[in-house]
Amino acid sequence: MSHTYEELKHKTVAELREISKEIEHEAVKGATQMNKDHLLLALCTALGIDPHVHHHAVGIDKTAIKTKIHALKKKRDEILATKERAGLAPVLREIHNLKKRIRRAMV
């Protein structure tokens, strides 16, 4: 049976141990002594599942926002290279707001 990381994550320790009994792999040896975090990683290793949760942005154009952030960072570096700091605060605030927009759109 094929499992996903999210599916395994929501199972109890007892259910994960039952799954590990069916698998003959070096990573799940001693599964009866493992806690849930270690058992989950061992099962992911044994089943070849990526144990990292991947997020993606929904409802925004992430590449366009990242392009704006890169341009603003160049502008920020130019301002920092000079001794005058007059336009620095608005640039930093805009970078912060764009990053916040990306984080809010993550699912």
C-alpha atoms as a PDB file:
ATOM      1  CA  MET A   1       0.000   0.000   0.000  1.00  0.00           C
ATOM      2  CA  SER A   2       1.317   3.429  -0.911  1.00  0.00           C
ATOM      3  CA  HIS A   3       1.488   5.989   1.888  1.00  0.00           C
ATOM      4  CA  THR A   4       2.042   9.732   1.890  1.00  0.00           C
ATOM      5  CA  TYR A   5       3.842  11.820   4.495  1.00  0.00           C
ATOM      6  CA  GLU A   6       0.640  13.603   5.518  1.00  0.00           C
ATOM      7  CA  GLU A   7      -1.210  10.312   5.892  1.00  0.00           C
ATOM      8  CA  LEU A   8       1.538   8.839   8.074  1.00  0.00           C
ATOM      9  CA  LYS A   9       1.812  12.012  10.137  1.00  0.00           C
ATOM     10  CA  HIS A  10      -1.821  11.782  11.224  1.00  0.00           C
ATOM     11  CA  LYS A  11      -1.593   8.140  12.314  1.00  0.00           C
ATOM     12  CA  THR A  12      -1.021   7.041  15.905  1.00  0.00           C
ATOM     13  CA  VAL A  13       2.226   5.472  17.088  1.00  0.00           C
ATOM     14  CA  ALA A  14       0.518   2.072  17.292  1.00  0.00           C
ATOM     15  CA  GLU A  15      -0.639   2.342  13.673  1.00  0.00           C
ATOM     16  CA  LEU A  16       2.853   3.387  12.552  1.00  0.00           C
ATOM     17  CA  ARG A  17       4.355   0.407  14.368  1.00  0.00           C
ATOM     18  CA  GLU A  18       1.911  -1.913  12.601  1.00  0.00           C
ATOM     19  CA  ILE A  19       3.000  -0.490   9.255  1.00  0.00           C
ATOM     20  CA  SER A  20       6.662  -0.909  10.200  1.00  0.00           C
ATOM     21  CA  LYS A  21       6.096  -4.627  10.953  1.00  0.00           C
ATOM     22  CA  GLU A  22       5.152  -5.156   7.297  1.00  0.00           C
ATOM     23  CA  ILE A  23       8.347  -3.503   6.047  1.00  0.00           C
ATOM     24  CA  GLU A  24      11.713  -5.220   6.029  1.00  0.00           C
ATOM     25  CA  HIS A  25      14.172  -2.349   5.975  1.00  0.00           C
ATOM     26  CA  GLU A  26      17.201  -1.399   8.050  1.00  0.00           C
ATOM     27  CA  ALA A  27      15.667   1.980   8.970  1.00  0.00           C
ATOM     28  CA  VAL A  28      12.675   0.474  10.796  1.00  0.00           C
ATOM     29  CA  LYS A  29      14.600  -2.011  12.940  1.00  0.00           C
ATOM     30  CA  GLY A  30      13.763  -1.373  16.561  1.00  0.00           C
ATOM     31  CA  ALA A  31      10.517   0.373  15.661  1.00  0.00           C
ATOM     32  CA  THR A  32       8.872  -0.820  18.867  1.00  0.00           C
ATOM     33  CA  GLN A  33      11.299   1.346  20.841  1.00  0.00           C
ATOM     34  CA  MET A  34      10.978   4.490  18.695  1.00  0.00           C
ATOM     35  CA  ASN A  35       8.845   7.515  19.473  1.00  0.00           C
ATOM     36  CA  LYS A  36       6.541   8.946  16.802  1.00  0.00           C
ATOM     37  CA  ASP A  37       9.011  11.466  15.356  1.00  0.00           C
ATOM     38  CA  HIS A  38      11.781   8.911  14.895  1.00  0.00           C
ATOM     39  CA  LEU A  39       9.377   6.255  13.657  1.00  0.00           C
ATOM     40  CA  LEU A  40       7.885   8.643  11.107  1.00  0.00           C
ATOM     41  CA  LEU A  41      11.327   9.501   9.714  1.00  0.00           C
ATOM     42  CA  ALA A  42      12.316   5.825   9.632  1.00  0.00           C
ATOM     43  CA  LEU A  43       9.154   4.891   7.736  1.00  0.00           C
ATOM     44  CA  CYS A  44       9.699   7.711   5.264  1.00  0.00           C
ATOM     45  CA  THR A  45      13.232   6.466   4.665  1.00  0.00           C
ATOM     46  CA  ALA A  46      12.093   2.872   4.260  1.00  0.00           C
ATOM     47  CA  LEU A  47       9.220   3.759   1.920  1.00  0.00           C
ATOM     48  CA  GLY A  48      11.172   6.345  -0.076  1.00  0.00           C
ATOM     49  CA  ILE A  49       8.869   9.207   0.896  1.00  0.00           C
ATOM     50  CA  ASP A  50      10.141  12.776   1.169  1.00  0.00           C
ATOM     51  CA  PRO A  51       9.700  13.662   4.891  1.00  0.00           C
ATOM     52  CA  HIS A  52       9.574  17.391   4.160  1.00  0.00           C
ATOM     53  CA  VAL A  53       6.290  19.181   3.709  1.00  0.00           C
ATOM     54  CA  HIS A  54       6.329  21.290   0.555  1.00  0.00           C
ATOM     55  CA  HIS A  55       4.311  24.469   0.429  1.00  0.00           C
ATOM     56  CA  HIS A  56       3.157  26.355  -2.612  1.00  0.00           C
ATOM     57  CA  ALA A  57       1.721  29.810  -3.118  1.00  0.00           C
ATOM     58  CA  VAL A  58      -1.899  30.137  -4.192  1.00  0.00           C
ATOM     59  CA  GLY A  59      -3.567  33.201  -5.685  1.00  0.00           C
ATOM     60  CA  ILE A  60      -0.462  35.290  -6.346  1.00  0.00           C
ATOM     61  CA  ASP A  61       2.272  35.535  -8.968  1.00  0.00           C
ATOM     62  CA  LYS A  62       5.193  34.482  -6.792  1.00  0.00           C
ATOM     63  CA  THR A  63       7.853  34.998  -9.461  1.00  0.00           C
ATOM     64  CA  ALA A  64       6.740  38.573 -10.110  1.00  0.00           C
ATOM     65  CA  ILE A  65       6.807  39.369  -6.402  1.00  0.00           C
ATOM     66  CA  LYS A  66      10.247  37.787  -6.024  1.00  0.00           C
ATOM     67  CA  THR A  67      11.492  39.877  -8.970  1.00  0.00           C
ATOM     68  CA  LYS A  68      10.252  43.020  -7.213  1.00  0.00           C
ATOM     69  CA  ILE A  69      11.973  41.926  -3.998  1.00  0.00           C
ATOM     70  CA  HIS A  70      15.284  41.402  -5.835  1.00  0.00           C
ATOM     71  CA  ALA A  71      15.021  44.852  -7.435  1.00  0.00           C
ATOM     72  CA  LEU A  72      14.244  46.437  -4.061  1.00  0.00           C
ATOM     73  CA  LYS A  73      17.199  44.641  -2.477  1.00  0.00           C
ATOM     74  CA  LYS A  74      19.494  46.101  -5.139  1.00  0.00           C
ATOM     75  CA  LYS A  75      18.059  49.531  -4.410  1.00  0.00           C
ATOM     76  CA  ARG A  76      18.568  48.916  -0.681  1.00  0.00           C
ATOM     77  CA  ASP A  77      22.212  47.984  -1.272  1.00  0.00           C
ATOM     78  CA  GLU A  78      22.748  51.132  -3.332  1.00  0.00           C
ATOM     79  CA  ILE A  79      21.286  53.252  -0.536  1.00  0.00           C
ATOM     80  CA  LEU A  80      23.467  51.506   2.032  1.00  0.00           C
ATOM     81  CA  ALA A  81      26.552  52.099  -0.117  1.00  0.00           C
ATOM     82  CA  THR A  82      25.958  55.840   0.145  1.00  0.00           C
ATOM     83  CA  LYS A  83      26.026  57.617   3.478  1.00  0.00           C
ATOM     84  CA  GLU A  84      22.533  59.016   3.014  1.00  0.00           C
ATOM     85  CA  ARG A  85      19.755  56.879   4.549  1.00  0.00           C
ATOM     86  CA  ALA A  86      16.753  59.022   3.551  1.00  0.00           C
ATOM     87  CA  GLY A  87      15.049  56.501   1.256  1.00  0.00           C
ATOM     88  CA  LEU A  88      15.969  53.354   3.164  1.00  0.00           C
ATOM     89  CA  ALA A  89      12.905  52.933   5.398  1.00  0.00           C
ATOM     90  CA  PRO A  90      10.294  52.813   2.608  1.00  0.00           C
ATOM     91  CA  VAL A  91      12.367  50.283   0.658  1.00  0.00           C
ATOM     92  CA  LEU A  92      12.777  48.023   3.687  1.00  0.00           C
ATOM     93  CA  ARG A  93       9.067  48.299   4.473  1.00  0.00           C
ATOM     94  CA  GLU A  94       8.144  47.350   0.894  1.00  0.00           C
ATOM     95  CA  ILE A  95      10.457  44.294   1.002  1.00  0.00           C
ATOM     96  CA  HIS A  96       8.854  43.279   4.282  1.00  0.00           C
ATOM     97  CA  ASN A  97       5.317  43.674   2.906  1.00  0.00           C
ATOM     98  CA  LEU A  98       6.069  41.653  -0.236  1.00  0.00           C
ATOM     99  CA  LYS A  99       7.607  38.809   1.763  1.00  0.00           C
ATOM    100  CA  LYS A 100       4.599  38.866   4.062  1.00  0.00           C
ATOM    101  CA  ARG A 101       2.294  38.597   1.046  1.00  0.00           C
ATOM    102  CA  ILE A 102       4.134  35.498  -0.148  1.00  0.00           C
ATOM    103  CA  ARG A 103       3.986  33.865   3.293  1.00  0.00           C
ATOM    104  CA  ARG A 104       0.250  34.525   3.588  1.00  0.00           C
ATOM    105  CA  ALA A 105      -0.394  32.873   0.228  1.00  0.00           C
ATOM    106  CA  MET A 106       1.407  29.659   1.213  1.00  0.00           C
ATOM    107  CA  VAL A 107      -0.705  26.522   1.502  1.00  0.00           C
END
